[in-house]
Amino acid sequence: MKESFLEKAARKIDIPADLAASVPKIIFHGYREVYIENHQGLLEYGEREVHVNSGEAVLKISGEGFHIRAMTASELRLEGLVFKMEFVF
């Protein structure tokens, strides 16, 4: 994937790209919780699969027992057993 102007600028001045370019920041807490910053909306939600708009791609998270613990306009905290995560461009 091609790096955006803001991502290049952030790299050159040594600041995190997620702060400068609003790219998603994804944090896993083991395999039971996923925290996503800078998302652009929830596209699909079910107990076994969640699709999140990350801007340039769709983040697909597969597993079981998913439930949303917290969600704001730019942050999402998802709990459940995570089997797989992939970006679909």
PDB file of N, CA and C in Angstrom:
ATOM      1  N   MET A   1       0.841  -1.167   0.000  1.00  0.00           N
ATOM      2  CA  MET A   1       0.000   0.000   0.000  1.00  0.00           C
ATOM      3  C   MET A   1       0.893   1.240   0.000  1.00  0.00           C
ATOM      4  N   LYS A   2       0.497   2.224  -0.775  1.00  0.00           N
ATOM      5  CA  LYS A   2       1.262   3.459  -0.905  1.00  0.00           C
ATOM      6  C   LYS A   2       1.121   4.317   0.356  1.00  0.00           C
ATOM      7  N   GLU A   3       2.228   4.850   0.802  1.00  0.00           N
ATOM      8  CA  GLU A   3       2.252   5.697   1.991  1.00  0.00           C
ATOM      9  C   GLU A   3       1.742   7.095   1.639  1.00  0.00           C
ATOM     10  N   SER A   4       0.856   7.636   2.472  1.00  0.00           N
ATOM     11  CA  SER A   4       0.303   8.961   2.212  1.00  0.00           C
ATOM     12  C   SER A   4       1.315  10.048   2.550  1.00  0.00           C
ATOM     13  N   PHE A   5       1.037  11.243   2.069  1.00  0.00           N
ATOM     14  CA  PHE A   5       1.905  12.391   2.349  1.00  0.00           C
ATOM     15  C   PHE A   5       2.051  12.605   3.856  1.00  0.00           C
ATOM     16  N   LEU A   6       0.932  12.557   4.588  1.00  0.00           N
ATOM     17  CA  LEU A   6       0.986  12.778   6.033  1.00  0.00           C
ATOM     18  C   LEU A   6       1.775  11.688   6.748  1.00  0.00           C
ATOM     19  N   GLU A   7       1.660  10.443   6.288  1.00  0.00           N
ATOM     20  CA  GLU A   7       2.444   9.353   6.881  1.00  0.00           C
ATOM     21  C   GLU A   7       3.928   9.556   6.632  1.00  0.00           C
ATOM     22  N   LYS A   8       4.303   9.974   5.421  1.00  0.00           N
ATOM     23  CA  LYS A   8       5.710  10.254   5.113  1.00  0.00           C
ATOM     24  C   LYS A   8       6.240  11.391   5.974  1.00  0.00           C
ATOM     25  N   ALA A   9       5.450  12.462   6.093  1.00  0.00           N
ATOM     26  CA  ALA A   9       5.868  13.608   6.903  1.00  0.00           C
ATOM     27  C   ALA A   9       6.043  13.195   8.363  1.00  0.00           C
ATOM     28  N   ALA A  10       5.122  12.405   8.874  1.00  0.00           N
ATOM     29  CA  ALA A  10       5.213  11.949  10.270  1.00  0.00           C
ATOM     30  C   ALA A  10       6.471  11.123  10.491  1.00  0.00           C
ATOM     31  N   ARG A  11       6.795  10.258   9.533  1.00  0.00           N
ATOM     32  CA  ARG A  11       7.999   9.427   9.650  1.00  0.00           C
ATOM     33  C   ARG A  11       9.245  10.294   9.653  1.00  0.00           C
ATOM     34  N   LYS A  12       9.283  11.320   8.803  1.00  0.00           N
ATOM     35  CA  LYS A  12      10.465  12.190   8.698  1.00  0.00           C
ATOM     36  C   LYS A  12      10.703  13.006   9.969  1.00  0.00           C
ATOM     37  N   ILE A  13       9.617  13.431  10.622  1.00  0.00           N
ATOM     38  CA  ILE A  13       9.815  14.219  11.845  1.00  0.00           C
ATOM     39  C   ILE A  13       9.640  13.365  13.102  1.00  0.00           C
ATOM     40  N   ASP A  14       9.584  12.063  12.913  1.00  0.00           N
ATOM     41  CA  ASP A  14       9.601  11.094  14.002  1.00  0.00           C
ATOM     42  C   ASP A  14       8.435  11.238  14.980  1.00  0.00           C
ATOM     43  N   ILE A  15       7.206  11.324  14.429  1.00  0.00           N
ATOM     44  CA  ILE A  15       6.016  11.245  15.273  1.00  0.00           C
ATOM     45  C   ILE A  15       5.179  10.074  14.785  1.00  0.00           C
ATOM     46  N   PRO A  16       4.380   9.483  15.648  1.00  0.00           N
ATOM     47  CA  PRO A  16       3.581   8.323  15.228  1.00  0.00           C
ATOM     48  C   PRO A  16       2.627   8.675  14.090  1.00  0.00           C
ATOM     49  N   ALA A  17       2.579   7.815  13.087  1.00  0.00           N
ATOM     50  CA  ALA A  17       1.725   8.045  11.912  1.00  0.00           C
ATOM     51  C   ALA A  17       0.252   8.129  12.291  1.00  0.00           C
ATOM     52  N   ASP A  18      -0.157   7.376  13.320  1.00  0.00           N
ATOM     53  CA  ASP A  18      -1.571   7.390  13.694  1.00  0.00           C
ATOM     54  C   ASP A  18      -2.002   8.755  14.223  1.00  0.00           C
ATOM     55  N   LEU A  19      -1.072   9.534  14.767  1.00  0.00           N
ATOM     56  CA  LEU A  19      -1.408  10.876  15.234  1.00  0.00           C
ATOM     57  C   LEU A  19      -1.511  11.860  14.079  1.00  0.00           C
ATOM     58  N   ALA A  20      -0.624  11.742  13.116  1.00  0.00           N
ATOM     59  CA  ALA A  20      -0.561  12.706  12.017  1.00  0.00           C
ATOM     60  C   ALA A  20      -1.569  12.415  10.911  1.00  0.00           C
ATOM     61  N   ALA A  21      -1.779  11.168  10.595  1.00  0.00           N
ATOM     62  CA  ALA A  21      -2.552  10.831   9.399  1.00  0.00           C
ATOM     63  C   ALA A  21      -3.868  10.125   9.692  1.00  0.00           C
ATOM     64  N   SER A  22      -4.237  10.012  10.933  1.00  0.00           N
ATOM     65  CA  SER A  22      -5.477   9.329  11.315  1.00  0.00           C
ATOM     66  C   SER A  22      -5.543   7.894  10.802  1.00  0.00           C
ATOM     67  N   VAL A  23      -4.402   7.223  10.752  1.00  0.00           N
ATOM     68  CA  VAL A  23      -4.416   5.808  10.403  1.00  0.00           C
ATOM     69  C   VAL A  23      -4.846   5.035  11.650  1.00  0.00           C
ATOM     70  N   PRO A  24      -5.446   3.874  11.464  1.00  0.00           N
ATOM     71  CA  PRO A  24      -5.931   3.148  12.637  1.00  0.00           C
ATOM     72  C   PRO A  24      -4.791   2.634  13.511  1.00  0.00           C
ATOM     73  N   LYS A  25      -5.022   2.682  14.801  1.00  0.00           N
ATOM     74  CA  LYS A  25      -4.097   2.103  15.774  1.00  0.00           C
ATOM     75  C   LYS A  25      -4.854   0.955  16.415  1.00  0.00           C
ATOM     76  N   ILE A  26      -4.308  -0.258  16.309  1.00  0.00           N
ATOM     77  CA  ILE A  26      -4.988  -1.455  16.783  1.00  0.00           C
ATOM     78  C   ILE A  26      -4.150  -2.078  17.889  1.00  0.00           C
ATOM     79  N   ILE A  27      -4.775  -2.280  19.047  1.00  0.00           N
ATOM     80  CA  ILE A  27      -4.090  -2.866  20.195  1.00  0.00           C
ATOM     81  C   ILE A  27      -4.850  -4.113  20.617  1.00  0.00           C
ATOM     82  N   PHE A  28      -4.133  -5.226  20.703  1.00  0.00           N
ATOM     83  CA  PHE A  28      -4.716  -6.468  21.198  1.00  0.00           C
ATOM     84  C   PHE A  28      -4.307  -6.660  22.648  1.00  0.00           C
ATOM     85  N   HIS A  29      -5.252  -7.029  23.474  1.00  0.00           N
ATOM     86  CA  HIS A  29      -4.993  -7.417  24.850  1.00  0.00           C
ATOM     87  C   HIS A  29      -5.205  -8.929  24.891  1.00  0.00           C
ATOM     88  N   GLY A  30      -4.094  -9.657  24.666  1.00  0.00           N
ATOM     89  CA  GLY A  30      -4.215 -11.101  24.525  1.00  0.00           C
ATOM     90  C   GLY A  30      -5.008 -11.418  23.278  1.00  0.00           C
ATOM     91  N   TYR A  31      -5.851 -12.405  23.349  1.00  0.00           N
ATOM     92  CA  TYR A  31      -6.715 -12.765  22.216  1.00  0.00           C
ATOM     93  C   TYR A  31      -8.189 -12.569  22.567  1.00  0.00           C
ATOM     94  N   ARG A  32      -8.460 -11.792  23.633  1.00  0.00           N
ATOM     95  CA  ARG A  32      -9.820 -11.594  24.120  1.00  0.00           C
ATOM     96  C   ARG A  32     -10.351 -10.170  23.981  1.00  0.00           C
ATOM     97  N   GLU A  33      -9.490  -9.216  23.624  1.00  0.00           N
ATOM     98  CA  GLU A  33      -9.948  -7.833  23.525  1.00  0.00           C
ATOM     99  C   GLU A  33      -9.163  -7.108  22.442  1.00  0.00           C
ATOM    100  N   VAL A  34      -9.870  -6.285  21.658  1.00  0.00           N
ATOM    101  CA  VAL A  34      -9.262  -5.478  20.606  1.00  0.00           C
ATOM    102  C   VAL A  34      -9.680  -4.033  20.828  1.00  0.00           C
ATOM    103  N   TYR A  35      -8.701  -3.138  20.806  1.00  0.00           N
ATOM    104  CA  TYR A  35      -8.959  -1.709  20.950  1.00  0.00           C
ATOM    105  C   TYR A  35      -8.513  -1.042  19.656  1.00  0.00           C
ATOM    106  N   ILE A  36      -9.409  -0.291  19.004  1.00  0.00           N
ATOM    107  CA  ILE A  36      -9.105   0.355  17.729  1.00  0.00           C
ATOM    108  C   ILE A  36      -9.330   1.852  17.865  1.00  0.00           C
ATOM    109  N   GLU A  37      -8.279   2.624  17.593  1.00  0.00           N
ATOM    110  CA  GLU A  37      -8.388   4.085  17.561  1.00  0.00           C
ATOM    111  C   GLU A  37      -8.410   4.534  16.111  1.00  0.00           C
ATOM    112  N   ASN A  38      -9.023   5.662  15.851  1.00  0.00           N
ATOM    113  CA  ASN A  38      -9.087   6.286  14.518  1.00  0.00           C
ATOM    114  C   ASN A  38      -9.869   5.460  13.502  1.00  0.00           C
ATOM    115  N   HIS A  39     -10.855   4.698  13.959  1.00  0.00           N
ATOM    116  CA  HIS A  39     -11.698   3.983  12.992  1.00  0.00           C
ATOM    117  C   HIS A  39     -12.685   4.985  12.377  1.00  0.00           C
ATOM    118  N   GLN A  40     -13.291   4.583  11.278  1.00  0.00           N
ATOM    119  CA  GLN A  40     -14.233   5.468  10.596  1.00  0.00           C
ATOM    120  C   GLN A  40     -15.622   4.847  10.500  1.00  0.00           C
ATOM    121  N   GLY A  41     -15.936   4.001  11.448  1.00  0.00           N
ATOM    122  CA  GLY A  41     -17.276   3.451  11.508  1.00  0.00           C
ATOM    123  C   GLY A  41     -17.314   1.942  11.525  1.00  0.00           C
ATOM    124  N   LEU A  42     -18.354   1.437  12.113  1.00  0.00           N
ATOM    125  CA  LEU A  42     -18.616   0.008  12.174  1.00  0.00           C
ATOM    126  C   LEU A  42     -19.501  -0.349  10.989  1.00  0.00           C
ATOM    127  N   LEU A  43     -19.047  -1.273  10.141  1.00  0.00           N
ATOM    128  CA  LEU A  43     -19.787  -1.643   8.935  1.00  0.00           C
ATOM    129  C   LEU A  43     -20.680  -2.862   9.148  1.00  0.00           C
ATOM    130  N   GLU A  44     -20.203  -3.813   9.947  1.00  0.00           N
ATOM    131  CA  GLU A  44     -20.968  -5.025  10.211  1.00  0.00           C
ATOM    132  C   GLU A  44     -20.595  -5.525  11.603  1.00  0.00           C
ATOM    133  N   TYR A  45     -21.606  -5.986  12.332  1.00  0.00           N
ATOM    134  CA  TYR A  45     -21.366  -6.459  13.685  1.00  0.00           C
ATOM    135  C   TYR A  45     -22.188  -7.702  13.962  1.00  0.00           C
ATOM    136  N   GLY A  46     -21.515  -8.739  14.410  1.00  0.00           N
ATOM    137  CA  GLY A  46     -22.182  -9.976  14.799  1.00  0.00           C
ATOM    138  C   GLY A  46     -21.342 -10.680  15.846  1.00  0.00           C
ATOM    139  N   GLU A  47     -21.863 -11.754  16.429  1.00  0.00           N
ATOM    140  CA  GLU A  47     -21.139 -12.479  17.461  1.00  0.00           C
ATOM    141  C   GLU A  47     -19.886 -13.175  16.938  1.00  0.00           C
ATOM    142  N   ARG A  48     -19.817 -13.425  15.618  1.00  0.00           N
ATOM    143  CA  ARG A  48     -18.680 -14.152  15.046  1.00  0.00           C
ATOM    144  C   ARG A  48     -17.792 -13.318  14.119  1.00  0.00           C
ATOM    145  N   GLU A  49     -18.280 -12.156  13.678  1.00  0.00           N
ATOM    146  CA  GLU A  49     -17.473 -11.341  12.766  1.00  0.00           C
ATOM    147  C   GLU A  49     -17.838  -9.868  12.915  1.00  0.00           C
ATOM    148  N   VAL A  50     -16.800  -9.039  12.858  1.00  0.00           N
ATOM    149  CA  VAL A  50     -16.969  -7.595  12.942  1.00  0.00           C
ATOM    150  C   VAL A  50     -16.168  -6.974  11.803  1.00  0.00           C
ATOM    151  N   HIS A  51     -16.785  -6.014  11.075  1.00  0.00           N
ATOM    152  CA  HIS A  51     -16.103  -5.295   9.994  1.00  0.00           C
ATOM    153  C   HIS A  51     -16.041  -3.826  10.388  1.00  0.00           C
ATOM    154  N   VAL A  52     -14.828  -3.282  10.356  1.00  0.00           N
ATOM    155  CA  VAL A  52     -14.604  -1.900  10.767  1.00  0.00           C
ATOM    156  C   VAL A  52     -13.986  -1.134   9.602  1.00  0.00           C
ATOM    157  N   ASN A  53     -14.511   0.037   9.296  1.00  0.00           N
ATOM    158  CA  ASN A  53     -13.935   0.897   8.265  1.00  0.00           C
ATOM    159  C   ASN A  53     -12.697   1.550   8.866  1.00  0.00           C
ATOM    160  N   SER A  54     -11.539   1.287   8.264  1.00  0.00           N
ATOM    161  CA  SER A  54     -10.295   1.882   8.760  1.00  0.00           C
ATOM    162  C   SER A  54      -9.802   2.996   7.852  1.00  0.00           C
ATOM    163  N   GLY A  55     -10.640   3.439   6.945  1.00  0.00           N
ATOM    164  CA  GLY A  55     -10.258   4.508   6.022  1.00  0.00           C
ATOM    165  C   GLY A  55      -9.910   3.958   4.663  1.00  0.00           C
ATOM    166  N   GLU A  56      -8.736   3.382   4.538  1.00  0.00           N
ATOM    167  CA  GLU A  56      -8.287   2.852   3.254  1.00  0.00           C
ATOM    168  C   GLU A  56      -8.652   1.390   3.052  1.00  0.00           C
ATOM    169  N   ALA A  57      -9.093   0.713   4.095  1.00  0.00           N
ATOM    170  CA  ALA A  57      -9.416  -0.710   4.009  1.00  0.00           C
ATOM    171  C   ALA A  57     -10.492  -1.044   5.027  1.00  0.00           C
ATOM    172  N   VAL A  58     -11.021  -2.259   4.886  1.00  0.00           N
ATOM    173  CA  VAL A  58     -11.957  -2.779   5.878  1.00  0.00           C
ATOM    174  C   VAL A  58     -11.189  -3.768   6.747  1.00  0.00           C
ATOM    175  N   LEU A  59     -11.277  -3.583   8.046  1.00  0.00           N
ATOM    176  CA  LEU A  59     -10.661  -4.491   9.000  1.00  0.00           C
ATOM    177  C   LEU A  59     -11.693  -5.539   9.367  1.00  0.00           C
ATOM    178  N   LYS A  60     -11.412  -6.808   9.041  1.00  0.00           N
ATOM    179  CA  LYS A  60     -12.323  -7.907   9.361  1.00  0.00           C
ATOM    180  C   LYS A  60     -11.734  -8.685  10.531  1.00  0.00           C
ATOM    181  N   ILE A  61     -12.522  -8.793  11.592  1.00  0.00           N
ATOM    182  CA  ILE A  61     -12.100  -9.533  12.776  1.00  0.00           C
ATOM    183  C   ILE A  61     -13.047 -10.711  12.927  1.00  0.00           C
ATOM    184  N   SER A  62     -12.491 -11.927  12.974  1.00  0.00           N
ATOM    185  CA  SER A  62     -13.295 -13.147  13.087  1.00  0.00           C
ATOM    186  C   SER A  62     -13.019 -13.813  14.424  1.00  0.00           C
ATOM    187  N   GLY A  63     -14.047 -14.426  14.978  1.00  0.00           N
ATOM    188  CA  GLY A  63     -13.909 -15.123  16.249  1.00  0.00           C
ATOM    189  C   GLY A  63     -15.259 -15.566  16.751  1.00  0.00           C
ATOM    190  N   GLU A  64     -15.452 -15.491  18.067  1.00  0.00           N
ATOM    191  CA  GLU A  64     -16.759 -15.851  18.624  1.00  0.00           C
ATOM    192  C   GLU A  64     -17.021 -15.090  19.912  1.00  0.00           C
ATOM    193  N   GLY A  65     -18.300 -14.882  20.183  1.00  0.00           N
ATOM    194  CA  GLY A  65     -18.719 -14.219  21.407  1.00  0.00           C
ATOM    195  C   GLY A  65     -18.420 -12.735  21.452  1.00  0.00           C
ATOM    196  N   PHE A  66     -18.361 -12.077  20.291  1.00  0.00           N
ATOM    197  CA  PHE A  66     -18.037 -10.651  20.276  1.00  0.00           C
ATOM    198  C   PHE A  66     -19.153  -9.813  20.875  1.00  0.00           C
ATOM    199  N   HIS A  67     -18.736  -8.805  21.611  1.00  0.00           N
ATOM    200  CA  HIS A  67     -19.639  -7.760  22.047  1.00  0.00           C
ATOM    201  C   HIS A  67     -18.845  -6.465  22.179  1.00  0.00           C
ATOM    202  N   ILE A  68     -19.538  -5.373  21.943  1.00  0.00           N
ATOM    203  CA  ILE A  68     -18.899  -4.064  22.005  1.00  0.00           C
ATOM    204  C   ILE A  68     -18.892  -3.612  23.455  1.00  0.00           C
ATOM    205  N   ARG A  69     -17.709  -3.406  23.963  1.00  0.00           N
ATOM    206  CA  ARG A  69     -17.594  -2.940  25.347  1.00  0.00           C
ATOM    207  C   ARG A  69     -17.740  -1.426  25.422  1.00  0.00           C
ATOM    208  N   ALA A  70     -17.166  -0.724  24.419  1.00  0.00           N
ATOM    209  CA  ALA A  70     -17.267   0.741  24.363  1.00  0.00           C
ATOM    210  C   ALA A  70     -17.060   1.180  22.923  1.00  0.00           C
ATOM    211  N   MET A  71     -17.729   2.286  22.557  1.00  0.00           N
ATOM    212  CA  MET A  71     -17.554   2.819  21.207  1.00  0.00           C
ATOM    213  C   MET A  71     -17.849   4.306  21.213  1.00  0.00           C
ATOM    214  N   THR A  72     -16.939   5.063  20.578  1.00  0.00           N
ATOM    215  CA  THR A  72     -17.151   6.482  20.334  1.00  0.00           C
ATOM    216  C   THR A  72     -16.968   6.706  18.836  1.00  0.00           C
ATOM    217  N   ALA A  73     -16.999   7.953  18.417  1.00  0.00           N
ATOM    218  CA  ALA A  73     -16.845   8.266  16.994  1.00  0.00           C
ATOM    219  C   ALA A  73     -15.495   7.809  16.443  1.00  0.00           C
ATOM    220  N   SER A  74     -14.459   7.714  17.283  1.00  0.00           N
ATOM    221  CA  SER A  74     -13.137   7.347  16.776  1.00  0.00           C
ATOM    222  C   SER A  74     -12.497   6.164  17.505  1.00  0.00           C
ATOM    223  N   GLU A  75     -13.135   5.621  18.542  1.00  0.00           N
ATOM    224  CA  GLU A  75     -12.558   4.515  19.298  1.00  0.00           C
ATOM    225  C   GLU A  75     -13.562   3.373  19.434  1.00  0.00           C
ATOM    226  N   LEU A  76     -13.027   2.149  19.422  1.00  0.00           N
ATOM    227  CA  LEU A  76     -13.859   0.959  19.560  1.00  0.00           C
ATOM    228  C   LEU A  76     -13.131  -0.047  20.436  1.00  0.00           C
ATOM    229  N   ARG A  77     -13.818  -0.568  21.436  1.00  0.00           N
ATOM    230  CA  ARG A  77     -13.277  -1.627  22.284  1.00  0.00           C
ATOM    231  C   ARG A  77     -14.201  -2.830  22.138  1.00  0.00           C
ATOM    232  N   LEU A  78     -13.628  -3.913  21.607  1.00  0.00           N
ATOM    233  CA  LEU A  78     -14.373  -5.123  21.278  1.00  0.00           C
ATOM    234  C   LEU A  78     -13.853  -6.270  22.134  1.00  0.00           C
ATOM    235  N   GLU A  79     -14.773  -7.031  22.732  1.00  0.00           N
ATOM    236  CA  GLU A  79     -14.392  -8.204  23.515  1.00  0.00           C
ATOM    237  C   GLU A  79     -14.957  -9.454  22.874  1.00  0.00           C
ATOM    238  N   GLY A  80     -14.233 -10.537  23.021  1.00  0.00           N
ATOM    239  CA  GLY A  80     -14.615 -11.836  22.484  1.00  0.00           C
ATOM    240  C   GLY A  80     -13.355 -12.604  22.134  1.00  0.00           C
ATOM    241  N   LEU A  81     -13.504 -13.822  21.743  1.00  0.00           N
ATOM    242  CA  LEU A  81     -12.374 -14.665  21.378  1.00  0.00           C
ATOM    243  C   LEU A  81     -11.978 -14.381  19.928  1.00  0.00           C
ATOM    244  N   VAL A  82     -10.789 -13.841  19.704  1.00  0.00           N
ATOM    245  CA  VAL A  82     -10.325 -13.448  18.369  1.00  0.00           C
ATOM    246  C   VAL A  82      -9.562 -14.607  17.728  1.00  0.00           C
ATOM    247  N   PHE A  83     -10.020 -15.030  16.553  1.00  0.00           N
ATOM    248  CA  PHE A  83      -9.329 -16.082  15.793  1.00  0.00           C
ATOM    249  C   PHE A  83      -8.457 -15.496  14.698  1.00  0.00           C
ATOM    250  N   LYS A  84      -8.955 -14.449  14.045  1.00  0.00           N
ATOM    251  CA  LYS A  84      -8.252 -13.922  12.860  1.00  0.00           C
ATOM    252  C   LYS A  84      -8.602 -12.461  12.657  1.00  0.00           C
ATOM    253  N   MET A  85      -7.620 -11.716  12.128  1.00  0.00           N
ATOM    254  CA  MET A  85      -7.835 -10.329  11.748  1.00  0.00           C
ATOM    255  C   MET A  85      -7.196 -10.116  10.384  1.00  0.00           C
ATOM    256  N   GLU A  86      -7.895  -9.429   9.480  1.00  0.00           N
ATOM    257  CA  GLU A  86      -7.327  -9.159   8.158  1.00  0.00           C
ATOM    258  C   GLU A  86      -7.820  -7.824   7.628  1.00  0.00           C
ATOM    259  N   PHE A  87      -6.985  -7.214   6.779  1.00  0.00           N
ATOM    260  CA  PHE A  87      -7.385  -5.993   6.082  1.00  0.00           C
ATOM    261  C   PHE A  87      -7.791  -6.387   4.673  1.00  0.00           C
ATOM    262  N   VAL A  88      -8.938  -5.858   4.213  1.00  0.00           N
ATOM    263  CA  VAL A  88      -9.420  -6.091   2.858  1.00  0.00           C
ATOM    264  C   VAL A  88      -9.426  -4.749   2.151  1.00  0.00           C
ATOM    265  N   PHE A  89      -8.617  -4.647   1.093  1.00  0.00           N
ATOM    266  CA  PHE A  89      -8.484  -3.389   0.346  1.00  0.00           C
ATOM    267  C   PHE A  89      -9.370  -3.384  -0.870  1.00  0.00           C
TER     268      PHE A  89
END
